[in-house]
Protein backbone atom coordinates (compact mmCIF):
# COMPACT_ATOMS: atom_id res chain seq x y z
CA MET A 1 94.76 101.75 91.07
CA VAL A 2 97.07 99.10 89.43
CA HIS A 3 100.82 100.53 89.86
CA ALA A 4 102.06 102.42 92.98
CA THR A 5 105.60 103.38 94.38
CA PRO A 6 106.60 102.47 96.78
CA PRO A 7 105.53 98.83 97.58
CA ASP A 8 103.23 99.74 99.97
CA GLY A 9 102.24 103.13 98.39
CA THR A 10 98.68 104.37 98.50
CA ALA A 11 96.55 106.84 97.16
CA LEU A 12 95.17 109.29 99.27
CA TRP A 13 91.57 110.61 98.33
CA HIS A 14 89.67 113.71 99.29
CA ILE A 15 86.24 113.82 97.82
CA PHE A 16 83.83 116.71 99.01
CA LYS A 17 79.72 116.63 98.27
CA ALA A 18 78.62 118.53 95.25
CA GLU A 19 76.92 120.94 97.27
CA ASP A 20 80.29 122.24 98.41
CA VAL A 21 81.49 123.51 95.16
CA THR A 22 80.92 127.22 95.89
CA LYS A 23 82.65 127.36 99.10
CA ILE A 24 85.42 125.67 97.84
CA ARG A 25 85.93 127.69 94.64
CA ASP A 26 85.35 130.95 97.23
CA TYR A 27 88.12 128.81 99.77
CA ILE A 28 90.56 128.53 97.29
CA ARG A 29 90.11 132.17 95.90
CA VAL A 30 90.53 133.79 99.21
CA VAL A 31 93.11 131.58 100.70
CA PHE A 32 95.18 131.68 97.42
CA ASP A 33 94.51 135.02 95.99
CA TYR A 34 93.05 133.69 93.13
CA THR A 35 92.04 136.25 90.68
CA GLY A 36 92.11 133.58 87.32
CA LYS A 37 89.39 133.31 84.87
CA GLU A 38 89.72 129.49 84.97
CA ASP A 39 87.50 127.75 87.66
CA PRO A 40 89.84 127.42 90.46
CA ILE A 41 88.71 123.74 91.50
CA HIS A 42 89.71 122.66 87.55
CA CYS A 43 92.44 124.21 87.10
CA GLN A 44 94.30 121.83 89.19
CA ARG A 45 97.26 124.43 90.28
CA TYR A 46 96.09 123.42 94.15
CA TYR A 47 96.56 120.96 96.53
CA LEU A 48 94.48 121.59 99.54
CA GLY A 49 96.92 119.86 102.31
CA PRO A 50 95.82 119.19 105.93
CA SER A 51 96.35 122.73 107.28
CA HIS A 52 93.55 123.52 104.44
CA LEU A 53 91.34 120.80 105.06
CA GLU A 54 91.25 121.39 108.58
CA GLN A 55 90.25 125.16 107.94
CA LEU A 56 87.66 124.22 105.06
CA THR A 57 86.30 122.76 108.16
CA GLU A 58 86.02 124.18 111.10
CA VAL A 59 85.67 127.67 109.08
CA TRP A 60 83.41 126.91 105.94
CA GLY A 61 81.54 123.76 107.22
CA VAL A 62 83.32 122.17 104.49
CA VAL A 63 84.04 117.96 105.82
CA PRO A 64 85.58 115.73 102.84
CA PHE A 65 85.31 111.94 102.59
CA VAL A 66 88.77 110.48 103.02
CA ILE A 67 89.54 107.28 101.27
CA ARG A 68 92.94 105.38 101.54
CA GLN A 69 92.99 103.30 98.12
CA ALA A 70 95.70 100.34 97.89
CA VAL A 71 96.89 98.70 94.83
CA GLY A 72 93.83 96.54 93.60
CA GLU A 73 91.29 98.94 94.73
CA ALA A 74 89.12 100.95 92.93
CA VAL A 75 87.24 104.61 93.94
CA PHE A 76 84.18 105.60 92.57
CA ILE A 77 83.58 109.45 92.63
CA PRO A 78 79.93 110.77 92.10
CA ALA A 79 79.02 112.87 89.54
CA GLY A 80 80.17 116.39 90.22
CA CYS A 81 82.09 115.90 93.29
CA PRO A 82 85.13 118.07 93.36
CA HIS A 83 88.16 115.45 94.33
CA GLN A 84 91.77 115.43 94.90
CA VAL A 85 94.20 112.81 94.92
CA THR A 86 97.98 112.11 95.73
CA THR A 87 99.99 109.18 95.36
CA ARG A 88 102.45 110.02 97.73
CA SER A 89 102.92 107.74 101.17
CA TYR A 90 100.00 109.32 103.22
CA LYS A 91 102.07 109.19 106.25
CA CYS A 92 103.74 111.77 104.82
CA LEU A 93 100.86 114.33 104.81
CA SER A 94 99.99 113.85 108.47
């Protein structure tokens, strides 16, 4: 990340295992009542907030890797791994 706002800005990443793709797709279809023809992960209409992530872990057994990225740091996302990122202060997301 080269630029962030505010000055103490960070990015909060959730990176999921590739083998959890089917569970994540099913979760989005059920919880958000998604009936579209696009892949629900790649349509980029949904952000899984804290309550969604908690439910994914407790009910569906999906646990993301959580990375807090600071300015000047890089994040590597393995091929096939679903992920989401927000550049808002992660303090607001807890």
